[in-house]
Amino acid sequence: MSFWKNIFGNSEDAEPIEPVNTENAIRKAGRAVGRVQGVGFRFFVQSTAKSLGITGWVKNMSDGSVTMELQGEPQTVERLIAKIKRGNDWIVVKEFESSDLPVVKGENKFAIRY
């Protein structure tokens, strides 16, 4: 078991979030490039998403980037993306690209995938 997985659990441990009304929801696929691995980025995205009521997932990729899917109210998803782009003292996002996806009905968690 990895260090972070041991501390933060796995995707099955994610606490449920109240599902967003899918009539108003959007879903975005995102990819962040920069200093985004080994700095708590996935936990940052998960905790921020959960605080905003956004569902989805985040995952490290072998090329050093981090991919994610974000679902929620349009303005809330954009707010999360802005926070992701801003980063913090350890996280530096040099590039962030996103595209639209179909909404996943009934999704009620934000998970870190391994």
N, C-alpha and C. Protein backbone atom coordinates (compact mmCIF):
# COMPACT_ATOMS: atom_id res chain seq x y z
N MET A 1 0.85 -1.19 0.00
CA MET A 1 0.00 0.00 0.00
C MET A 1 0.89 1.24 0.00
N SER A 2 0.56 2.21 -0.85
CA SER A 2 1.37 3.42 -0.93
C SER A 2 1.21 4.27 0.33
N PHE A 3 2.17 5.14 0.55
CA PHE A 3 2.15 6.03 1.70
C PHE A 3 0.86 6.85 1.75
N TRP A 4 0.51 7.51 0.62
CA TRP A 4 -0.67 8.38 0.60
C TRP A 4 -1.96 7.58 0.73
N LYS A 5 -2.01 6.43 0.09
CA LYS A 5 -3.20 5.59 0.19
C LYS A 5 -3.40 5.14 1.62
N ASN A 6 -2.30 4.85 2.31
CA ASN A 6 -2.36 4.44 3.70
C ASN A 6 -2.90 5.56 4.58
N ILE A 7 -2.52 6.79 4.28
CA ILE A 7 -2.98 7.94 5.07
C ILE A 7 -4.41 8.34 4.72
N PHE A 8 -4.70 8.47 3.41
CA PHE A 8 -5.97 9.04 2.98
C PHE A 8 -7.00 8.00 2.56
N GLY A 9 -6.63 6.72 2.53
CA GLY A 9 -7.57 5.69 2.13
C GLY A 9 -7.63 5.57 0.62
N ASN A 10 -8.59 4.79 0.14
CA ASN A 10 -8.73 4.62 -1.30
C ASN A 10 -10.08 5.16 -1.75
N SER A 11 -10.37 5.00 -3.01
CA SER A 11 -11.59 5.61 -3.57
C SER A 11 -12.85 5.09 -2.90
N GLU A 12 -12.82 3.85 -2.42
CA GLU A 12 -14.00 3.31 -1.75
C GLU A 12 -14.24 3.98 -0.40
N ASP A 13 -13.20 4.62 0.16
CA ASP A 13 -13.31 5.29 1.45
C ASP A 13 -13.87 6.70 1.34
N ALA A 14 -14.04 7.21 0.13
CA ALA A 14 -14.51 8.58 -0.05
C ALA A 14 -15.90 8.72 0.54
N GLU A 15 -16.11 9.80 1.28
CA GLU A 15 -17.41 10.04 1.90
C GLU A 15 -18.40 10.53 0.84
N PRO A 16 -19.66 10.08 0.95
CA PRO A 16 -20.66 10.52 -0.03
C PRO A 16 -20.90 12.03 0.03
N ILE A 17 -21.17 12.59 -1.12
CA ILE A 17 -21.53 14.00 -1.27
C ILE A 17 -22.95 14.02 -1.80
N GLU A 18 -23.74 14.98 -1.39
CA GLU A 18 -25.09 15.10 -1.92
C GLU A 18 -25.03 15.26 -3.43
N PRO A 19 -25.68 14.34 -4.20
CA PRO A 19 -25.60 14.44 -5.67
C PRO A 19 -26.21 15.76 -6.17
N VAL A 20 -25.60 16.30 -7.20
CA VAL A 20 -26.06 17.54 -7.82
C VAL A 20 -27.24 17.21 -8.73
N ASN A 21 -28.18 18.12 -8.83
CA ASN A 21 -29.29 17.96 -9.76
C ASN A 21 -28.69 17.88 -11.17
N THR A 22 -28.83 16.74 -11.82
CA THR A 22 -28.17 16.54 -13.12
C THR A 22 -28.71 17.46 -14.22
N GLU A 23 -29.88 18.04 -14.03
CA GLU A 23 -30.40 18.98 -15.02
C GLU A 23 -29.55 20.25 -15.08
N ASN A 24 -28.95 20.62 -13.95
CA ASN A 24 -28.13 21.83 -13.88
C ASN A 24 -26.64 21.54 -13.94
N ALA A 25 -26.26 20.28 -13.84
CA ALA A 25 -24.85 19.91 -13.69
C ALA A 25 -24.10 19.89 -15.01
N ILE A 26 -22.79 20.06 -14.89
CA ILE A 26 -21.87 19.84 -16.01
C ILE A 26 -20.79 18.88 -15.52
N ARG A 27 -20.06 18.28 -16.44
CA ARG A 27 -18.93 17.42 -16.11
C ARG A 27 -17.78 17.80 -17.01
N LYS A 28 -16.62 17.98 -16.41
CA LYS A 28 -15.43 18.37 -17.15
C LYS A 28 -14.34 17.33 -16.93
N ALA A 29 -13.64 16.99 -18.01
CA ALA A 29 -12.41 16.22 -17.91
C ALA A 29 -11.30 17.25 -17.83
N GLY A 30 -10.36 17.05 -16.92
CA GLY A 30 -9.27 18.00 -16.77
C GLY A 30 -7.93 17.30 -16.72
N ARG A 31 -6.90 18.03 -17.11
CA ARG A 31 -5.53 17.52 -17.05
C ARG A 31 -4.63 18.66 -16.61
N ALA A 32 -3.92 18.44 -15.49
CA ALA A 32 -3.01 19.44 -14.95
C ALA A 32 -1.57 19.00 -15.16
N VAL A 33 -0.73 19.95 -15.57
CA VAL A 33 0.69 19.70 -15.81
C VAL A 33 1.47 20.72 -15.00
N GLY A 34 2.58 20.31 -14.43
CA GLY A 34 3.44 21.20 -13.64
C GLY A 34 3.96 20.43 -12.44
N ARG A 35 4.10 21.13 -11.32
CA ARG A 35 4.50 20.45 -10.08
C ARG A 35 3.21 19.98 -9.40
N VAL A 36 2.72 18.81 -9.86
CA VAL A 36 1.42 18.31 -9.42
C VAL A 36 1.47 16.90 -8.87
N GLN A 37 2.65 16.30 -8.79
CA GLN A 37 2.79 14.99 -8.17
C GLN A 37 3.80 15.09 -7.04
N GLY A 38 3.51 14.39 -5.95
CA GLY A 38 4.39 14.40 -4.80
C GLY A 38 4.26 15.64 -3.93
N VAL A 39 3.21 16.42 -4.14
CA VAL A 39 3.01 17.67 -3.39
C VAL A 39 1.62 17.75 -2.76
N GLY A 40 0.88 16.63 -2.72
CA GLY A 40 -0.46 16.62 -2.15
C GLY A 40 -1.53 17.16 -3.07
N PHE A 41 -1.25 17.20 -4.37
CA PHE A 41 -2.20 17.78 -5.33
C PHE A 41 -3.54 17.04 -5.35
N ARG A 42 -3.51 15.71 -5.41
CA ARG A 42 -4.76 14.97 -5.48
C ARG A 42 -5.60 15.21 -4.23
N PHE A 43 -4.97 15.21 -3.07
CA PHE A 43 -5.71 15.48 -1.83
C PHE A 43 -6.26 16.91 -1.83
N PHE A 44 -5.47 17.86 -2.34
CA PHE A 44 -5.92 19.26 -2.47
C PHE A 44 -7.17 19.34 -3.34
N VAL A 45 -7.14 18.67 -4.50
CA VAL A 45 -8.30 18.68 -5.40
C VAL A 45 -9.49 18.02 -4.73
N GLN A 46 -9.28 16.85 -4.12
CA GLN A 46 -10.38 16.13 -3.49
C GLN A 46 -11.01 16.95 -2.35
N SER A 47 -10.19 17.48 -1.46
CA SER A 47 -10.74 18.21 -0.32
C SER A 47 -11.44 19.49 -0.76
N THR A 48 -10.89 20.18 -1.76
CA THR A 48 -11.54 21.39 -2.27
C THR A 48 -12.85 21.04 -2.97
N ALA A 49 -12.83 19.98 -3.78
CA ALA A 49 -14.05 19.55 -4.47
C ALA A 49 -15.14 19.19 -3.48
N LYS A 50 -14.78 18.41 -2.46
CA LYS A 50 -15.77 18.01 -1.47
C LYS A 50 -16.34 19.21 -0.73
N SER A 51 -15.50 20.21 -0.43
CA SER A 51 -15.99 21.40 0.27
C SER A 51 -16.96 22.20 -0.60
N LEU A 52 -16.84 22.06 -1.92
CA LEU A 52 -17.72 22.77 -2.86
C LEU A 52 -18.91 21.92 -3.31
N GLY A 53 -18.96 20.65 -2.88
CA GLY A 53 -20.05 19.77 -3.29
C GLY A 53 -19.89 19.20 -4.69
N ILE A 54 -18.65 19.10 -5.16
CA ILE A 54 -18.36 18.58 -6.50
C ILE A 54 -18.01 17.10 -6.41
N THR A 55 -18.53 16.32 -7.33
CA THR A 55 -18.22 14.89 -7.39
C THR A 55 -17.24 14.63 -8.53
N GLY A 56 -16.68 13.40 -8.55
CA GLY A 56 -15.77 13.02 -9.61
C GLY A 56 -14.60 12.24 -9.07
N TRP A 57 -13.44 12.43 -9.69
CA TRP A 57 -12.23 11.71 -9.28
C TRP A 57 -11.00 12.44 -9.78
N VAL A 58 -9.83 12.05 -9.23
CA VAL A 58 -8.53 12.60 -9.62
C VAL A 58 -7.51 11.47 -9.58
N LYS A 59 -6.55 11.49 -10.53
CA LYS A 59 -5.60 10.39 -10.65
C LYS A 59 -4.27 10.87 -11.21
N ASN A 60 -3.15 10.38 -10.62
CA ASN A 60 -1.82 10.63 -11.17
C ASN A 60 -1.63 9.81 -12.43
N MET A 61 -0.93 10.37 -13.41
CA MET A 61 -0.62 9.66 -14.64
C MET A 61 0.89 9.41 -14.72
N SER A 62 1.27 8.42 -15.50
CA SER A 62 2.68 8.03 -15.59
C SER A 62 3.55 9.10 -16.24
N ASP A 63 2.96 10.04 -16.98
CA ASP A 63 3.74 11.10 -17.62
C ASP A 63 3.99 12.30 -16.70
N GLY A 64 3.56 12.20 -15.43
CA GLY A 64 3.76 13.29 -14.48
C GLY A 64 2.59 14.25 -14.37
N SER A 65 1.59 14.10 -15.24
CA SER A 65 0.40 14.95 -15.17
C SER A 65 -0.61 14.32 -14.21
N VAL A 66 -1.68 15.04 -13.96
CA VAL A 66 -2.79 14.53 -13.15
C VAL A 66 -4.07 14.76 -13.94
N THR A 67 -4.87 13.71 -14.08
CA THR A 67 -6.15 13.84 -14.77
C THR A 67 -7.28 13.79 -13.75
N MET A 68 -8.42 14.30 -14.15
CA MET A 68 -9.56 14.36 -13.24
C MET A 68 -10.85 14.50 -14.02
N GLU A 69 -11.94 14.18 -13.36
CA GLU A 69 -13.28 14.49 -13.85
C GLU A 69 -14.00 15.20 -12.73
N LEU A 70 -14.63 16.32 -13.05
CA LEU A 70 -15.28 17.19 -12.08
C LEU A 70 -16.73 17.38 -12.48
N GLN A 71 -17.65 17.17 -11.55
CA GLN A 71 -19.08 17.30 -11.86
C GLN A 71 -19.78 18.12 -10.79
N GLY A 72 -20.57 19.09 -11.25
CA GLY A 72 -21.33 19.92 -10.33
C GLY A 72 -21.99 21.07 -11.07
N GLU A 73 -22.47 22.03 -10.31
CA GLU A 73 -23.06 23.23 -10.91
C GLU A 73 -21.98 23.96 -11.71
N PRO A 74 -22.33 24.52 -12.87
CA PRO A 74 -21.31 25.13 -13.74
C PRO A 74 -20.41 26.14 -13.04
N GLN A 75 -20.97 27.08 -12.28
CA GLN A 75 -20.15 28.10 -11.63
C GLN A 75 -19.27 27.50 -10.55
N THR A 76 -19.71 26.43 -9.91
CA THR A 76 -18.93 25.79 -8.86
C THR A 76 -17.76 25.01 -9.46
N VAL A 77 -17.99 24.33 -10.57
CA VAL A 77 -16.91 23.62 -11.26
C VAL A 77 -15.86 24.62 -11.73
N GLU A 78 -16.28 25.75 -12.27
CA GLU A 78 -15.33 26.78 -12.72
C GLU A 78 -14.55 27.35 -11.54
N ARG A 79 -15.21 27.48 -10.40
CA ARG A 79 -14.53 27.97 -9.19
C ARG A 79 -13.44 26.99 -8.77
N LEU A 80 -13.74 25.68 -8.81
CA LEU A 80 -12.75 24.66 -8.47
C LEU A 80 -11.58 24.71 -9.45
N ILE A 81 -11.88 24.82 -10.73
CA ILE A 81 -10.81 24.88 -11.74
C ILE A 81 -9.91 26.09 -11.48
N ALA A 82 -10.49 27.22 -11.12
CA ALA A 82 -9.69 28.41 -10.81
C ALA A 82 -8.77 28.15 -9.62
N LYS A 83 -9.27 27.47 -8.59
CA LYS A 83 -8.44 27.14 -7.42
C LYS A 83 -7.33 26.17 -7.80
N ILE A 84 -7.64 25.21 -8.66
CA ILE A 84 -6.64 24.25 -9.12
C ILE A 84 -5.53 24.99 -9.86
N LYS A 85 -5.90 25.89 -10.76
CA LYS A 85 -4.91 26.64 -11.54
C LYS A 85 -4.04 27.52 -10.64
N ARG A 86 -4.63 28.04 -9.58
CA ARG A 86 -3.91 28.92 -8.65
C ARG A 86 -2.91 28.11 -7.81
N GLY A 87 -3.28 26.86 -7.45
CA GLY A 87 -2.39 26.03 -6.65
C GLY A 87 -2.20 26.57 -5.24
N ASN A 88 -1.03 26.27 -4.67
CA ASN A 88 -0.67 26.78 -3.35
C ASN A 88 0.85 26.87 -3.26
N ASP A 89 1.41 26.88 -2.06
CA ASP A 89 2.86 27.02 -1.90
C ASP A 89 3.64 25.88 -2.52
N TRP A 90 3.06 24.68 -2.60
CA TRP A 90 3.76 23.51 -3.13
C TRP A 90 3.32 23.16 -4.54
N ILE A 91 2.07 23.40 -4.84
CA ILE A 91 1.48 23.02 -6.13
C ILE A 91 1.67 24.16 -7.13
N VAL A 92 2.22 23.83 -8.30
CA VAL A 92 2.38 24.82 -9.37
C VAL A 92 1.80 24.20 -10.64
N VAL A 93 0.65 24.70 -11.07
CA VAL A 93 0.02 24.21 -12.29
C VAL A 93 0.45 25.12 -13.43
N LYS A 94 1.25 24.57 -14.35
CA LYS A 94 1.74 25.34 -15.50
C LYS A 94 0.75 25.32 -16.64
N GLU A 95 0.04 24.21 -16.79
CA GLU A 95 -0.98 24.08 -17.84
C GLU A 95 -2.19 23.35 -17.26
N PHE A 96 -3.36 23.79 -17.67
CA PHE A 96 -4.59 23.07 -17.32
C PHE A 96 -5.49 23.08 -18.54
N GLU A 97 -5.85 21.90 -19.00
CA GLU A 97 -6.76 21.81 -20.14
C GLU A 97 -8.01 21.06 -19.69
N SER A 98 -9.13 21.43 -20.27
CA SER A 98 -10.38 20.76 -19.89
C SER A 98 -11.28 20.61 -21.11
N SER A 99 -12.18 19.65 -21.02
CA SER A 99 -13.16 19.42 -22.07
C SER A 99 -14.45 18.93 -21.40
N ASP A 100 -15.54 19.06 -22.13
CA ASP A 100 -16.85 18.66 -21.61
C ASP A 100 -17.06 17.17 -21.75
N LEU A 101 -17.76 16.61 -20.77
CA LEU A 101 -18.15 15.20 -20.76
C LEU A 101 -19.63 15.11 -20.43
N PRO A 102 -20.26 13.97 -20.72
CA PRO A 102 -21.64 13.77 -20.28
C PRO A 102 -21.69 13.63 -18.75
N VAL A 103 -22.75 14.12 -18.16
CA VAL A 103 -22.96 14.03 -16.72
C VAL A 103 -23.21 12.57 -16.33
N VAL A 104 -22.65 12.16 -15.19
CA VAL A 104 -22.85 10.82 -14.65
C VAL A 104 -23.95 10.90 -13.60
N LYS A 105 -25.10 10.34 -13.90
CA LYS A 105 -26.24 10.41 -12.98
C LYS A 105 -25.97 9.57 -11.73
N GLY A 106 -26.36 10.10 -10.59
CA GLY A 106 -26.27 9.38 -9.33
C GLY A 106 -24.89 9.37 -8.68
N GLU A 107 -23.89 9.98 -9.30
CA GLU A 107 -22.56 10.01 -8.69
C GLU A 107 -22.63 10.82 -7.40
N ASN A 108 -22.03 10.29 -6.33
CA ASN A 108 -22.12 10.98 -5.05
C ASN A 108 -20.81 11.00 -4.26
N LYS A 109 -19.67 10.83 -4.95
CA LYS A 109 -18.37 10.84 -4.27
C LYS A 109 -17.33 11.57 -5.11
N PHE A 110 -16.29 12.01 -4.42
CA PHE A 110 -15.10 12.49 -5.11
C PHE A 110 -13.96 11.62 -4.63
N ALA A 111 -13.37 10.85 -5.53
CA ALA A 111 -12.39 9.84 -5.15
C ALA A 111 -11.00 10.16 -5.70
N ILE A 112 -10.00 9.69 -4.96
CA ILE A 112 -8.64 9.66 -5.47
C ILE A 112 -8.46 8.26 -6.06
N ARG A 113 -8.11 8.21 -7.32
CA ARG A 113 -7.89 6.92 -7.99
C ARG A 113 -6.40 6.63 -8.04
N TYR A 114 -6.09 5.34 -8.02
CA TYR A 114 -4.68 4.89 -8.03
C TYR A 114 -4.43 4.03 -9.24
